[in-house]
C-alpha atoms as a PDB file:
ATOM      1  CA  MET A   1      21.523 -14.060  -8.451  1.00  0.00           C
ATOM      2  CA  ASN A   2      20.944 -16.735  -5.804  1.00  0.00           C
ATOM      3  CA  GLU A   3      21.372 -14.141  -3.056  1.00  0.00           C
ATOM      4  CA  LEU A   4      18.825 -11.845  -4.718  1.00  0.00           C
ATOM      5  CA  LEU A   5      16.370 -14.719  -5.190  1.00  0.00           C
ATOM      6  CA  LYS A   6      16.699 -15.701  -1.521  1.00  0.00           C
ATOM      7  CA  ARG A   7      16.063 -12.099  -0.525  1.00  0.00           C
ATOM      8  CA  ALA A   8      13.016 -11.851  -2.824  1.00  0.00           C
ATOM      9  CA  THR A   9      11.481 -15.092  -1.567  1.00  0.00           C
ATOM     10  CA  SER A  10      12.103 -14.056   2.023  1.00  0.00           C
ATOM     11  CA  LEU A  11      10.352 -10.724   1.442  1.00  0.00           C
ATOM     12  CA  LEU A  12       7.436 -12.270  -0.445  1.00  0.00           C
ATOM     13  CA  ALA A  13       6.979 -14.891   2.269  1.00  0.00           C
ATOM     14  CA  GLN A  14       6.229 -12.109   4.745  1.00  0.00           C
ATOM     15  CA  ARG A  15       3.678 -10.193   2.639  1.00  0.00           C
ATOM     16  CA  ASP A  16       2.769  -9.298  -0.928  1.00  0.00           C
ATOM     17  CA  TYR A  17       4.737  -6.567  -2.648  1.00  0.00           C
ATOM     18  CA  SER A  18       4.190  -4.652  -5.839  1.00  0.00           C
ATOM     19  CA  GLU A  19       6.832  -5.166  -8.494  1.00  0.00           C
ATOM     20  CA  TRP A  20       8.142  -1.647  -7.946  1.00  0.00           C
ATOM     21  CA  GLU A  21       8.496  -2.188  -4.168  1.00  0.00           C
ATOM     22  CA  LEU A  22      10.275  -5.514  -4.588  1.00  0.00           C
ATOM     23  CA  ARG A  23      12.584  -4.123  -7.250  1.00  0.00           C
ATOM     24  CA  ARG A  24      13.435  -1.165  -4.988  1.00  0.00           C
ATOM     25  CA  LYS A  25      14.154  -3.420  -2.006  1.00  0.00           C
ATOM     26  CA  LEU A  26      16.340  -5.737  -4.062  1.00  0.00           C
ATOM     27  CA  THR A  27      18.257  -2.797  -5.500  1.00  0.00           C
ATOM     28  CA  ARG A  28      18.788  -1.035  -2.179  1.00  0.00           C
ATOM     29  CA  GLN A  29      19.597  -4.004   0.002  1.00  0.00           C
ATOM     30  CA  SER A  30      21.228  -6.814  -1.847  1.00  0.00           C
ATOM     31  CA  SER A  31      22.761  -8.723   1.049  1.00  0.00           C
ATOM     32  CA  TRP A  32      21.654 -10.222   4.366  1.00  0.00           C
ATOM     33  CA  LYS A  33      23.886  -9.824   7.368  1.00  0.00           C
ATOM     34  CA  LYS A  34      23.189 -10.955  10.904  1.00  0.00           C
ATOM     35  CA  GLY A  35      23.106  -8.320  13.599  1.00  0.00           C
ATOM     36  CA  GLU A  36      25.406  -8.334  16.588  1.00  0.00           C
ATOM     37  CA  ASN A  37      22.848 -10.140  18.734  1.00  0.00           C
ATOM     38  CA  GLY A  38      22.297 -12.717  15.979  1.00  0.00           C
ATOM     39  CA  ARG A  39      18.549 -12.113  15.885  1.00  0.00           C
ATOM     40  CA  SER A  40      17.768  -9.697  13.100  1.00  0.00           C
ATOM     41  CA  PRO A  41      19.505  -8.713   9.899  1.00  0.00           C
ATOM     42  CA  THR A  42      20.979  -5.237   9.749  1.00  0.00           C
ATOM     43  CA  TYR A  43      20.695  -3.033   6.725  1.00  0.00           C
ATOM     44  CA  SER A  44      23.017  -0.132   6.426  1.00  0.00           C
ATOM     45  CA  ILE A  45      24.972   1.383   3.607  1.00  0.00           C
ATOM     46  CA  ASN A  46      28.211   0.212   5.238  1.00  0.00           C
ATOM     47  CA  ASN A  47      27.101  -3.445   5.331  1.00  0.00           C
ATOM     48  CA  ILE A  48      25.990  -3.756   1.706  1.00  0.00           C
ATOM     49  CA  ASP A  49      27.887  -6.416  -0.188  1.00  0.00           C
ATOM     50  CA  LYS A  50      30.233  -4.425  -2.440  1.00  0.00           C
ATOM     51  CA  GLU A  51      30.615  -7.292  -4.918  1.00  0.00           C
ATOM     52  CA  ILE A  52      26.893  -7.331  -5.736  1.00  0.00           C
ATOM     53  CA  VAL A  53      26.424  -3.557  -5.749  1.00  0.00           C
ATOM     54  CA  GLU A  54      29.371  -2.916  -8.046  1.00  0.00           C
ATOM     55  CA  THR A  55      28.442  -5.642 -10.504  1.00  0.00           C
ATOM     56  CA  PRO A  56      27.152  -4.066 -13.729  1.00  0.00           C
ATOM     57  CA  ASN A  57      24.706  -6.964 -14.137  1.00  0.00           C
ATOM     58  CA  THR A  58      22.850  -6.300 -10.872  1.00  0.00           C
ATOM     59  CA  HIS A  59      19.833  -4.842 -12.683  1.00  0.00           C
ATOM     60  CA  GLN A  60      19.861  -7.763 -15.105  1.00  0.00           C
ATOM     61  CA  TYR A  61      19.838 -10.194 -12.150  1.00  0.00           C
ATOM     62  CA  ILE A  62      17.025  -8.282 -10.509  1.00  0.00           C
ATOM     63  CA  ASP A  63      15.030  -8.477 -13.743  1.00  0.00           C
ATOM     64  CA  GLN A  64      15.593 -12.242 -13.813  1.00  0.00           C
ATOM     65  CA  VAL A  65      14.495 -12.590 -10.178  1.00  0.00           C
ATOM     66  CA  ILE A  66      11.362 -10.510 -10.835  1.00  0.00           C
ATOM     67  CA  GLU A  67      10.537 -12.632 -13.898  1.00  0.00           C
ATOM     68  CA  TYR A  68      11.079 -15.813 -11.881  1.00  0.00           C
ATOM     69  CA  CYS A  69       8.712 -14.534  -9.179  1.00  0.00           C
ATOM     70  CA  TYR A  70       6.063 -13.747 -11.801  1.00  0.00           C
ATOM     71  CA  GLN A  71       6.431 -17.205 -13.359  1.00  0.00           C
ATOM     72  CA  HIS A  72       5.854 -18.888  -9.992  1.00  0.00           C
ATOM     73  CA  ASN A  73       2.943 -16.562  -9.176  1.00  0.00           C
ATOM     74  CA  TRP A  74       4.729 -15.158  -6.129  1.00  0.00           C
ATOM     75  CA  LEU A  75       4.473 -11.621  -7.449  1.00  0.00           C
ATOM     76  CA  ASP A  76       1.246 -10.150  -8.798  1.00  0.00           C
ATOM     77  CA  ASP A  77       0.423  -6.427  -8.830  1.00  0.00           C
ATOM     78  CA  ARG A  78      -3.285  -7.156  -9.229  1.00  0.00           C
ATOM     79  CA  ARG A  79      -3.383  -9.405  -6.171  1.00  0.00           C
ATOM     80  CA  PHE A  80      -1.311  -6.864  -4.247  1.00  0.00           C
ATOM     81  CA  ALA A  81      -3.753  -4.074  -5.198  1.00  0.00           C
ATOM     82  CA  GLU A  82      -6.788  -6.156  -4.179  1.00  0.00           C
ATOM     83  CA  GLN A  83      -5.325  -6.959  -0.778  1.00  0.00           C
ATOM     84  CA  PHE A  84      -4.172  -3.388  -0.274  1.00  0.00           C
ATOM     85  CA  ILE A  85      -7.611  -1.971  -1.136  1.00  0.00           C
ATOM     86  CA  TYR A  86      -9.385  -4.290   1.299  1.00  0.00           C
ATOM     87  CA  SER A  87      -6.821  -3.669   4.009  1.00  0.00           C
ATOM     88  CA  ARG A  88      -6.941   0.122   3.755  1.00  0.00           C
ATOM     89  CA  SER A  89     -10.720   0.287   3.377  1.00  0.00           C
ATOM     90  CA  ASN A  90     -11.094  -1.870   6.501  1.00  0.00           C
ATOM     91  CA  LYS A  91      -9.012   0.743   8.306  1.00  0.00           C
ATOM     92  CA  GLY A  92     -11.447   3.448   7.172  1.00  0.00           C
ATOM     93  CA  TYR A  93      -9.646   4.993   4.220  1.00  0.00           C
ATOM     94  CA  GLY A  94     -11.433   6.189   1.112  1.00  0.00           C
ATOM     95  CA  PRO A  95     -10.762   5.561  -2.563  1.00  0.00           C
ATOM     96  CA  ARG A  96      -8.769   8.714  -3.261  1.00  0.00           C
ATOM     97  CA  ARG A  97      -6.226   8.002  -0.551  1.00  0.00           C
ATOM     98  CA  ILE A  98      -5.995   4.346  -1.534  1.00  0.00           C
ATOM     99  CA  ILE A  99      -5.399   5.288  -5.172  1.00  0.00           C
ATOM    100  CA  LEU A 100      -2.635   7.702  -4.167  1.00  0.00           C
ATOM    101  CA  GLU A 101      -0.940   5.116  -1.956  1.00  0.00           C
ATOM    102  CA  LEU A 102      -1.102   2.444  -4.663  1.00  0.00           C
ATOM    103  CA  GLN A 103       0.384   4.857  -7.193  1.00  0.00           C
ATOM    104  CA  GLN A 104       3.204   5.569  -4.742  1.00  0.00           C
ATOM    105  CA  LYS A 105       3.829   1.829  -4.579  1.00  0.00           C
ATOM    106  CA  GLY A 106       4.204   1.653  -8.357  1.00  0.00           C
ATOM    107  CA  VAL A 107       0.910  -0.013  -9.280  1.00  0.00           C
ATOM    108  CA  THR A 108      -0.349   1.032 -12.707  1.00  0.00           C
ATOM    109  CA  LYS A 109      -3.421   3.200 -13.056  1.00  0.00           C
ATOM    110  CA  SER A 110      -5.308   0.585 -15.073  1.00  0.00           C
ATOM    111  CA  ILE A 111      -4.822  -2.087 -12.396  1.00  0.00           C
ATOM    112  CA  ILE A 112      -5.895   0.349  -9.679  1.00  0.00           C
ATOM    113  CA  GLU A 113      -9.055   1.400 -11.509  1.00  0.00           C
ATOM    114  CA  GLN A 114     -10.027  -2.168 -12.363  1.00  0.00           C
ATOM    115  CA  THR A 115      -9.476  -3.546  -8.869  1.00  0.00           C
ATOM    116  CA  LEU A 116     -11.371  -0.632  -7.301  1.00  0.00           C
ATOM    117  CA  GLN A 117     -14.339  -1.308  -9.576  1.00  0.00           C
ATOM    118  CA  GLU A 118     -14.249  -5.013  -8.776  1.00  0.00           C
ATOM    119  CA  SER A 119     -13.922  -4.432  -5.036  1.00  0.00           C
ATOM    120  CA  ASN A 120     -17.651  -3.686  -4.533  1.00  0.00           C
ATOM    121  CA  ILE A 121     -16.930  -1.548  -1.476  1.00  0.00           C
ATOM    122  CA  GLN A 122     -19.779   0.752  -0.514  1.00  0.00           C
ATOM    123  CA  TRP A 123     -17.842   3.948   0.063  1.00  0.00           C
ATOM    124  CA  LYS A 124     -20.805   5.956   1.366  1.00  0.00           C
ATOM    125  CA  LYS A 125     -21.531   3.411   4.112  1.00  0.00           C
ATOM    126  CA  LEU A 126     -17.848   3.226   4.937  1.00  0.00           C
ATOM    127  CA  ALA A 127     -17.678   7.025   5.272  1.00  0.00           C
ATOM    128  CA  GLU A 128     -20.723   7.008   7.554  1.00  0.00           C
ATOM    129  CA  SER A 129     -19.233   4.323   9.798  1.00  0.00           C
ATOM    130  CA  VAL A 130     -15.896   6.143   9.960  1.00  0.00           C
ATOM    131  CA  VAL A 131     -17.638   9.371  10.984  1.00  0.00           C
ATOM    132  CA  GLN A 132     -19.711   7.589  13.630  1.00  0.00           C
ATOM    133  CA  LYS A 133     -16.642   5.851  15.010  1.00  0.00           C
ATOM    134  CA  LYS A 134     -14.638   9.071  15.189  1.00  0.00           C
ATOM    135  CA  PHE A 135     -17.315  11.575  16.266  1.00  0.00           C
ATOM    136  CA  GLY A 136     -20.069   9.420  17.776  1.00  0.00           C
ATOM    137  CA  LYS A 137     -23.688   9.081  16.737  1.00  0.00           C
ATOM    138  CA  LYS A 138     -24.876  12.376  18.237  1.00  0.00           C
ATOM    139  CA  ILE A 139     -23.105  15.292  16.589  1.00  0.00           C
ATOM    140  CA  ASN A 140     -24.029  18.945  16.869  1.00  0.00           C
ATOM    141  CA  ASN A 141     -25.460  20.449  13.710  1.00  0.00           C
ATOM    142  CA  ASP A 142     -23.219  23.523  13.708  1.00  0.00           C
ATOM    143  CA  MET A 143     -20.853  24.586  10.945  1.00  0.00           C
ATOM    144  CA  LYS A 144     -17.740  23.980  13.062  1.00  0.00           C
ATOM    145  CA  ASN A 145     -18.514  20.265  13.376  1.00  0.00           C
ATOM    146  CA  LYS A 146     -19.404  19.987   9.694  1.00  0.00           C
ATOM    147  CA  VAL A 147     -16.027  21.468   8.777  1.00  0.00           C
ATOM    148  CA  LYS A 148     -14.244  19.056  11.145  1.00  0.00           C
ATOM    149  CA  ILE A 149     -16.052  16.096   9.647  1.00  0.00           C
ATOM    150  CA  ALA A 150     -15.454  17.291   6.078  1.00  0.00           C
ATOM    151  CA  ASN A 151     -11.727  17.813   6.708  1.00  0.00           C
ATOM    152  CA  PHE A 152     -11.470  14.418   8.383  1.00  0.00           C
ATOM    153  CA  LEU A 153     -13.150  12.668   5.462  1.00  0.00           C
ATOM    154  CA  ILE A 154     -11.031  14.518   2.902  1.00  0.00           C
ATOM    155  CA  TYR A 155      -7.905  13.490   4.805  1.00  0.00           C
ATOM    156  CA  ARG A 156      -9.142   9.904   4.821  1.00  0.00           C
ATOM    157  CA  GLY A 157      -9.572  10.025   1.034  1.00  0.00           C
ATOM    158  CA  PHE A 158     -13.321  10.258   0.512  1.00  0.00           C
ATOM    159  CA  ASP A 159     -14.880  12.220  -2.342  1.00  0.00           C
ATOM    160  CA  PRO A 160     -16.384  15.553  -1.171  1.00  0.00           C
ATOM    161  CA  ARG A 161     -19.556  14.876  -3.160  1.00  0.00           C
ATOM    162  CA  LEU A 162     -20.030  11.700  -1.161  1.00  0.00           C
ATOM    163  CA  PHE A 163     -20.169  13.401   2.196  1.00  0.00           C
ATOM    164  CA  SER A 164     -22.046  16.498   1.036  1.00  0.00           C
ATOM    165  CA  SER A 165     -25.028  14.190   0.564  1.00  0.00           C
ATOM    166  CA  TYR A 166     -24.205  12.722   3.966  1.00  0.00           C
ATOM    167  CA  PHE A 167     -24.637  16.178   5.521  1.00  0.00           C
ATOM    168  CA  ASP A 168     -27.870  16.673   3.602  1.00  0.00           C
ATOM    169  CA  ASN A 169     -29.306  13.415   4.957  1.00  0.00           C
ATOM    170  CA  TYR A 170     -28.133  13.549   8.546  1.00  0.00           C
ATOM    171  CA  TYR A 171     -27.382  17.069   9.662  1.00  0.00           C
ATOM    172  CA  ILE A 172     -29.734  19.534   8.003  1.00  0.00           C
END
């Protein structure tokens, strides 16, 4: 268990993880080994510590490590979701894409919905700034450009109703 706890604290010292991500990393890679150059650890199936992987209590140890991390406030899905939402929105991504990515990282739907509501991000302004950054302030009013912008915003995770009003205000 000490090896798993060291691995968990090392991971959590670098950045926040969701419980699901941390559990997956601890399950997949349960040992640290130095690389040939001595600088970075290597992770390959061949280098995994057989003793830890074959132990039937590995999942029990991982559960104990996860519980220990929660008790010391090192692991918090809510805090992870808040930081993730701000990080991705600052990169110009919309709520739909952020929700999908958080779900892929194992964050529960209730935590996602609550943190999105509490985030106070103005999605319409964010969409406008993303469009201006990508396409410039002067955009032709033809259908081809509207389709490009709509596809770009859908890819970025913005609600189609949000940018239909954007077209009404700025392009028609």
